[in-house]
């Protein structure tokens, strides 16, 4: 998002799933920090980012 979007712009639709996965991870991490349990894992290599929105 940082490289493909300006502040205040909509998130590109090609990034919806990746953004949803990151947000889910953040909420899981918050729950882990507050309640314990299994530490969540996010494999950034598996995030579905379209090639045209990837940055080297």
C-alpha atoms as a PDB file:
ATOM      1  CA  UNK A   1       0.000   0.000   0.000  1.00  0.00           C
ATOM      2  CA  UNK A   2       2.826   2.361   0.883  1.00  0.00           C
ATOM      3  CA  UNK A   3       4.250   2.261  -2.639  1.00  0.00           C
ATOM      4  CA  UNK A   4       1.030   2.118  -4.629  1.00  0.00           C
ATOM      5  CA  UNK A   5      -1.328   4.446  -2.773  1.00  0.00           C
ATOM      6  CA  UNK A   6      -1.309   8.011  -1.534  1.00  0.00           C
ATOM      7  CA  UNK A   7      -2.758   8.953   1.833  1.00  0.00           C
ATOM      8  CA  UNK A   8      -6.532   9.209   1.564  1.00  0.00           C
ATOM      9  CA  UNK A   9      -6.788   7.053  -1.569  1.00  0.00           C
ATOM     10  CA  UNK A  10      -8.692   3.805  -1.696  1.00  0.00           C
ATOM     11  CA  UNK A  11      -6.760   0.583  -1.280  1.00  0.00           C
ATOM     12  CA  UNK A  12      -6.254  -1.027  -4.710  1.00  0.00           C
ATOM     13  CA  UNK A  13      -8.677  -3.928  -5.096  1.00  0.00           C
ATOM     14  CA  UNK A  14      -5.784  -6.259  -5.907  1.00  0.00           C
ATOM     15  CA  UNK A  15      -4.557  -5.799  -2.344  1.00  0.00           C
ATOM     16  CA  UNK A  16      -7.853  -6.426  -0.516  1.00  0.00           C
ATOM     17  CA  UNK A  17      -7.046 -10.015   0.435  1.00  0.00           C
ATOM     18  CA  UNK A  18      -3.475  -9.214   1.483  1.00  0.00           C
ATOM     19  CA  UNK A  19      -4.675  -6.300   3.616  1.00  0.00           C
ATOM     20  CA  UNK A  20      -7.370  -8.483   5.177  1.00  0.00           C
ATOM     21  CA  UNK A  21      -4.767 -11.128   6.045  1.00  0.00           C
ATOM     22  CA  UNK A  22      -2.485  -8.550   7.649  1.00  0.00           C
ATOM     23  CA  UNK A  23      -5.370  -7.070   9.644  1.00  0.00           C
ATOM     24  CA  UNK A  24      -6.412 -10.539  10.805  1.00  0.00           C
ATOM     25  CA  UNK A  25      -2.826 -11.171  11.902  1.00  0.00           C
ATOM     26  CA  UNK A  26      -2.775  -7.908  13.863  1.00  0.00           C
ATOM     27  CA  UNK A  27      -5.973  -8.846  15.697  1.00  0.00           C
ATOM     28  CA  UNK A  28      -4.641 -12.348  16.400  1.00  0.00           C
ATOM     29  CA  UNK A  29      -1.386 -10.873  17.689  1.00  0.00           C
ATOM     30  CA  UNK A  30      -3.293  -8.494  19.948  1.00  0.00           C
ATOM     31  CA  UNK A  31      -5.309 -11.396  21.342  1.00  0.00           C
ATOM     32  CA  UNK A  32      -2.101 -13.399  21.842  1.00  0.00           C
ATOM     33  CA  UNK A  33      -0.496 -10.502  23.734  1.00  0.00           C
ATOM     34  CA  UNK A  34      -3.558 -10.059  25.945  1.00  0.00           C
ATOM     35  CA  UNK A  35      -4.631 -13.658  26.494  1.00  0.00           C
ATOM     36  CA  UNK A  36      -1.724 -15.916  25.561  1.00  0.00           C
ATOM     37  CA  UNK A  37      -2.168 -19.110  23.613  1.00  0.00           C
ATOM     38  CA  UNK A  38      -0.574 -19.948  20.296  1.00  0.00           C
ATOM     39  CA  UNK A  39       1.524 -17.188  18.780  1.00  0.00           C
ATOM     40  CA  UNK A  40       0.143 -16.246  15.358  1.00  0.00           C
ATOM     41  CA  UNK A  41       2.327 -16.477  12.278  1.00  0.00           C
ATOM     42  CA  UNK A  42       2.151 -14.476   9.062  1.00  0.00           C
ATOM     43  CA  UNK A  43       4.144 -15.730   6.096  1.00  0.00           C
ATOM     44  CA  UNK A  44       4.663 -12.597   4.049  1.00  0.00           C
ATOM     45  CA  UNK A  45       5.884 -14.641   1.087  1.00  0.00           C
ATOM     46  CA  UNK A  46       2.371 -16.067   0.722  1.00  0.00           C
ATOM     47  CA  UNK A  47       0.489 -12.768   0.682  1.00  0.00           C
ATOM     48  CA  UNK A  48      -1.450 -12.474  -2.588  1.00  0.00           C
ATOM     49  CA  UNK A  49       0.056  -9.307  -4.061  1.00  0.00           C
ATOM     50  CA  UNK A  50      -0.385  -8.801  -7.809  1.00  0.00           C
ATOM     51  CA  UNK A  51       2.882  -8.396  -9.710  1.00  0.00           C
ATOM     52  CA  UNK A  52       1.955  -4.904 -10.887  1.00  0.00           C
ATOM     53  CA  UNK A  53       1.637  -3.771  -7.254  1.00  0.00           C
ATOM     54  CA  UNK A  54       4.831  -5.391  -5.964  1.00  0.00           C
ATOM     55  CA  UNK A  55       7.862  -3.307  -5.169  1.00  0.00           C
ATOM     56  CA  UNK A  56      11.398  -4.685  -5.274  1.00  0.00           C
END
